[in-house]
Amino acid sequence: MELLETTFIAKYAKREDKLNCLENVSRKLDNLKFFITLLWEAKGLSANKYGQLSQKLSAAGKMTGKWLQLFKKETPAN
């Protein structure tokens, strides 16, 4: 829920706040991937479910990374 909330906030954040929000989204997504992997390694998640989740989280990570790249490209460095 926090990841969804943070993503929603980033989408509508003011330009001066957006980079921080996007980095927060990326950090939360990385944390989720880490904990899903731990759950799978502890046998709390089947290999099939882990594979499905991993693919979706990987796709979300790529989208977030592209969003960050685009924002950094459009925003001149101070």
Protein backbone atom coordinates (compact mmCIF):
# COMPACT_ATOMS: atom_id res chain seq x y z
CA MET A 1 0.00 0.00 0.00
CA GLU A 2 2.84 2.38 0.81
CA LEU A 3 4.36 1.79 -2.62
CA LEU A 4 1.07 2.58 -4.34
CA GLU A 5 0.56 5.65 -2.19
CA THR A 6 4.08 6.90 -2.87
CA THR A 7 3.65 6.34 -6.60
CA PHE A 8 0.38 8.28 -6.57
CA ILE A 9 2.04 11.12 -4.66
CA ALA A 10 4.96 11.17 -7.14
CA LYS A 11 2.59 11.37 -10.09
CA TYR A 12 0.99 14.56 -8.79
CA ALA A 13 3.96 16.08 -6.98
CA LYS A 14 5.21 19.56 -7.81
CA ARG A 15 8.25 19.58 -10.07
CA GLU A 16 10.57 20.59 -7.21
CA ASP A 17 9.38 17.61 -5.12
CA LYS A 18 9.11 15.02 -7.88
CA LEU A 19 12.72 13.75 -7.89
CA ASN A 20 12.61 13.01 -4.18
CA CYS A 21 9.25 11.27 -4.60
CA LEU A 22 10.47 9.16 -7.53
CA GLU A 23 13.58 8.11 -5.63
CA ASN A 24 11.33 7.14 -2.73
CA VAL A 25 9.19 5.02 -5.09
CA SER A 26 12.32 3.31 -6.38
CA ARG A 27 13.59 2.63 -2.86
CA LYS A 28 10.25 1.16 -1.74
CA LEU A 29 10.10 -1.03 -4.85
CA ASP A 30 13.62 -2.32 -4.19
CA ASN A 31 12.63 -3.09 -0.60
CA LEU A 32 9.56 -4.99 -1.77
CA LYS A 33 11.65 -7.05 -4.20
CA PHE A 34 14.10 -7.85 -1.40
CA PHE A 35 11.40 -8.99 1.02
CA ILE A 36 9.60 -11.05 -1.65
CA THR A 37 12.91 -12.83 -2.31
CA LEU A 38 13.38 -13.46 1.42
CA LEU A 39 9.85 -14.86 1.63
CA TRP A 40 10.56 -17.21 -1.28
CA GLU A 41 13.89 -18.33 0.20
CA ALA A 42 12.15 -19.05 3.52
CA LYS A 43 9.69 -21.27 1.59
CA GLY A 44 6.82 -18.93 2.36
CA LEU A 45 6.11 -18.46 -1.32
CA SER A 46 5.94 -21.05 -4.09
CA ALA A 47 8.42 -20.83 -6.95
CA ASN A 48 5.53 -20.22 -9.35
CA LYS A 49 4.15 -17.28 -7.36
CA TYR A 50 7.66 -15.92 -6.84
CA GLY A 51 8.28 -16.04 -10.59
CA GLN A 52 5.03 -14.22 -11.32
CA LEU A 53 5.70 -11.54 -8.70
CA SER A 54 9.31 -11.13 -9.78
CA GLN A 55 8.29 -10.47 -13.38
CA LYS A 56 5.74 -7.86 -12.36
CA LEU A 57 8.10 -6.17 -9.93
CA SER A 58 10.85 -6.16 -12.55
CA ALA A 59 8.52 -4.49 -15.05
CA ALA A 60 7.50 -1.92 -12.41
CA GLY A 61 11.18 -1.29 -11.68
CA LYS A 62 11.92 -0.66 -15.34
CA MET A 63 9.00 1.75 -15.62
CA THR A 64 10.11 3.59 -12.49
CA GLY A 65 13.69 3.75 -13.75
CA LYS A 66 12.56 5.21 -17.08
CA TRP A 67 10.36 7.72 -15.27
CA LEU A 68 13.35 8.80 -13.16
CA GLN A 69 15.61 9.01 -16.23
CA LEU A 70 13.07 11.08 -18.13
CA PHE A 71 12.58 13.45 -15.22
CA LYS A 72 16.34 13.93 -14.74
CA LYS A 73 16.78 14.52 -18.47
CA GLU A 74 14.01 17.15 -18.54
CA THR A 75 15.20 18.89 -15.39
CA PRO A 76 18.32 21.04 -15.75
CA ALA A 77 20.98 20.51 -13.09
CA ASN A 78 21.40 23.33 -10.58
